[in-house]
Amino acid sequence: MSTPAQQTCGKGLAENAVLPARLGNLLAAMAANLEVHMKALDLTDPNSRKEYEAYEALVTEIQGAAEQLKKTANRMIGYRELPMGRHDEQAMNHPRVHETFERFVKQKQELLALLEQTAERDNKLLETMGTHSP
């Protein structure tokens, strides 16, 4: 009977790489959406020019953040075979360890709630857009 492979911090990093990878994909899609919107702006209108400039700056920043998240995810995956180091059990059992993990879990739950909330709105918008397609 084979025993399951030991969980290591390196394996944990690799398993959790999905979070920055997916966030990077989400931000890349957001930047692409802004870029497409920019093409619809009438640049003879001063307000449209301001909007274009705002979107242009945001696209650059968001694309940079997306790329960085993808690099971070790849680095995390690369640590899969990181040898397990010795850990101080007293430090690992400190309340701060539990509190920071609890905060991490809470932030993921809040992100999930936000995505669920905005998904409903976005799906309604998609339906509206579909009825106006040529």
Protein backbone atom coordinates (compact mmCIF):
# COMPACT_ATOMS: atom_id res chain seq x y z
CA MET A 1 0.00 0.00 0.00
CA SER A 2 1.50 3.33 -1.00
CA THR A 3 1.44 6.28 1.34
CA PRO A 4 0.38 9.69 0.12
CA ALA A 5 3.22 12.07 -0.68
CA GLN A 6 4.16 14.31 2.20
CA GLN A 7 2.69 17.80 2.01
CA THR A 8 5.46 20.39 1.94
CA CYS A 9 5.50 24.16 1.90
CA GLY A 10 6.79 24.00 -1.69
CA LYS A 11 3.83 21.86 -2.73
CA GLY A 12 1.53 24.26 -0.88
CA LEU A 13 2.97 27.19 -2.81
CA ALA A 14 2.50 25.36 -6.09
CA GLU A 15 -1.08 24.41 -5.23
CA ASN A 16 -1.90 27.99 -4.28
CA ALA A 17 -0.37 29.42 -7.47
CA VAL A 18 -3.82 29.17 -9.02
CA LEU A 19 -4.91 32.27 -7.07
CA PRO A 20 -2.43 34.77 -8.56
CA ALA A 21 -2.72 33.03 -11.94
CA ARG A 22 -6.50 33.44 -12.03
CA LEU A 23 -6.32 36.99 -10.69
CA GLY A 24 -3.79 37.76 -13.43
CA ASN A 25 -6.13 36.30 -16.06
CA LEU A 26 -9.01 38.33 -14.66
CA LEU A 27 -7.01 41.55 -14.77
CA ALA A 28 -5.77 40.81 -18.30
CA ALA A 29 -9.40 40.38 -19.38
CA MET A 30 -10.31 43.65 -17.66
CA ALA A 31 -7.53 45.46 -19.52
CA ALA A 32 -8.65 43.94 -22.82
CA ASN A 33 -12.21 45.06 -22.13
CA LEU A 34 -11.03 48.62 -21.53
CA GLU A 35 -8.93 48.54 -24.71
CA VAL A 36 -11.92 47.47 -26.81
CA HIS A 37 -14.04 50.20 -25.21
CA MET A 38 -11.39 52.78 -26.13
CA LYS A 39 -11.91 52.02 -29.82
CA ALA A 40 -15.53 53.16 -29.54
CA LEU A 41 -14.66 56.64 -28.27
CA ASP A 42 -15.06 59.65 -30.57
CA LEU A 43 -11.80 61.47 -30.02
CA THR A 44 -13.16 64.69 -31.53
CA ASP A 45 -15.17 65.04 -28.30
CA PRO A 46 -13.11 66.52 -25.40
CA ASN A 47 -14.81 64.30 -22.82
CA SER A 48 -14.13 61.22 -24.93
CA ARG A 49 -10.46 62.22 -25.15
CA LYS A 50 -10.31 62.46 -21.35
CA GLU A 51 -11.96 59.07 -21.04
CA TYR A 52 -9.52 57.63 -23.59
CA GLU A 53 -6.54 58.97 -21.67
CA ALA A 54 -7.89 57.59 -18.40
CA TYR A 55 -8.47 54.16 -19.92
CA GLU A 56 -5.07 54.23 -21.63
CA ALA A 57 -3.32 54.78 -18.28
CA LEU A 58 -5.44 52.14 -16.57
CA VAL A 59 -4.81 49.56 -19.29
CA THR A 60 -1.07 49.98 -18.87
CA GLU A 61 -1.26 49.65 -15.09
CA ILE A 62 -3.68 46.73 -15.14
CA GLN A 63 -1.66 44.85 -17.76
CA GLY A 64 1.46 45.33 -15.64
CA ALA A 65 -0.31 43.97 -12.57
CA ALA A 66 -1.65 41.02 -14.58
CA GLU A 67 1.82 40.17 -15.89
CA GLN A 68 3.32 40.40 -12.40
CA LEU A 69 0.66 38.09 -11.00
CA LYS A 70 1.34 35.56 -13.75
CA LYS A 71 5.10 35.71 -13.00
CA THR A 72 4.38 35.22 -9.31
CA ALA A 73 2.17 32.22 -10.06
CA ASN A 74 4.89 30.66 -12.21
CA ARG A 75 7.48 31.26 -9.49
CA MET A 76 5.17 29.61 -6.94
CA ILE A 77 4.75 26.60 -9.24
CA GLY A 78 8.52 26.43 -9.61
CA TYR A 79 8.89 25.94 -5.85
CA ARG A 80 6.94 22.65 -5.93
CA GLU A 81 10.10 20.61 -5.20
CA LEU A 82 11.40 23.01 -2.54
CA PRO A 83 12.76 20.80 0.25
CA MET A 84 10.86 20.96 3.50
CA GLY A 85 12.73 23.04 6.04
CA ARG A 86 12.61 22.61 9.78
CA HIS A 87 9.85 24.65 11.42
CA ASP A 88 9.66 25.97 14.98
CA GLU A 89 6.45 24.39 16.30
CA GLN A 90 6.05 27.09 18.95
CA ALA A 91 6.19 29.80 16.28
CA MET A 92 3.80 27.83 14.05
CA ASN A 93 1.32 27.60 16.91
CA HIS A 94 1.45 31.31 17.72
CA PRO A 95 -2.00 32.97 17.50
CA ARG A 96 -0.65 35.32 14.81
CA VAL A 97 -0.30 32.35 12.42
CA HIS A 98 -3.96 31.45 12.86
CA GLU A 99 -5.04 35.12 12.65
CA THR A 100 -3.19 35.79 9.40
CA PHE A 101 -4.52 32.61 7.79
CA GLU A 102 -8.01 33.48 8.99
CA ARG A 103 -7.64 36.93 7.39
CA PHE A 104 -6.48 35.30 4.13
CA VAL A 105 -9.52 32.99 4.11
CA LYS A 106 -11.83 35.93 4.87
CA GLN A 107 -10.37 37.94 1.98
CA LYS A 108 -10.98 35.02 -0.38
CA GLN A 109 -14.57 34.75 0.86
CA GLU A 110 -15.10 38.48 0.33
CA LEU A 111 -13.65 38.20 -3.19
CA LEU A 112 -15.99 35.31 -3.92
CA ALA A 113 -18.97 37.36 -2.71
CA LEU A 114 -17.90 40.30 -4.86
CA LEU A 115 -17.51 38.09 -7.92
CA GLU A 116 -20.91 36.54 -7.36
CA GLN A 117 -22.49 39.97 -6.93
CA THR A 118 -20.88 41.48 -10.02
CA ALA A 119 -21.47 38.35 -12.10
CA GLU A 120 -25.21 38.86 -11.87
CA ARG A 121 -24.89 42.47 -13.02
CA ASP A 122 -22.43 41.55 -15.76
CA ASN A 123 -24.64 38.73 -17.06
CA LYS A 124 -27.57 41.14 -17.34
CA LEU A 125 -25.34 43.53 -19.26
CA LEU A 126 -24.23 40.71 -21.56
CA GLU A 127 -27.87 39.85 -22.26
CA THR A 128 -28.56 43.50 -23.13
CA MET A 129 -25.50 43.63 -25.37
CA GLY A 130 -26.63 40.47 -27.14
CA THR A 131 -29.92 42.05 -28.09
CA HIS A 132 -28.11 44.96 -29.74
CA SER A 133 -25.70 42.89 -31.85
CA PRO A 134 -25.74 43.53 -35.62
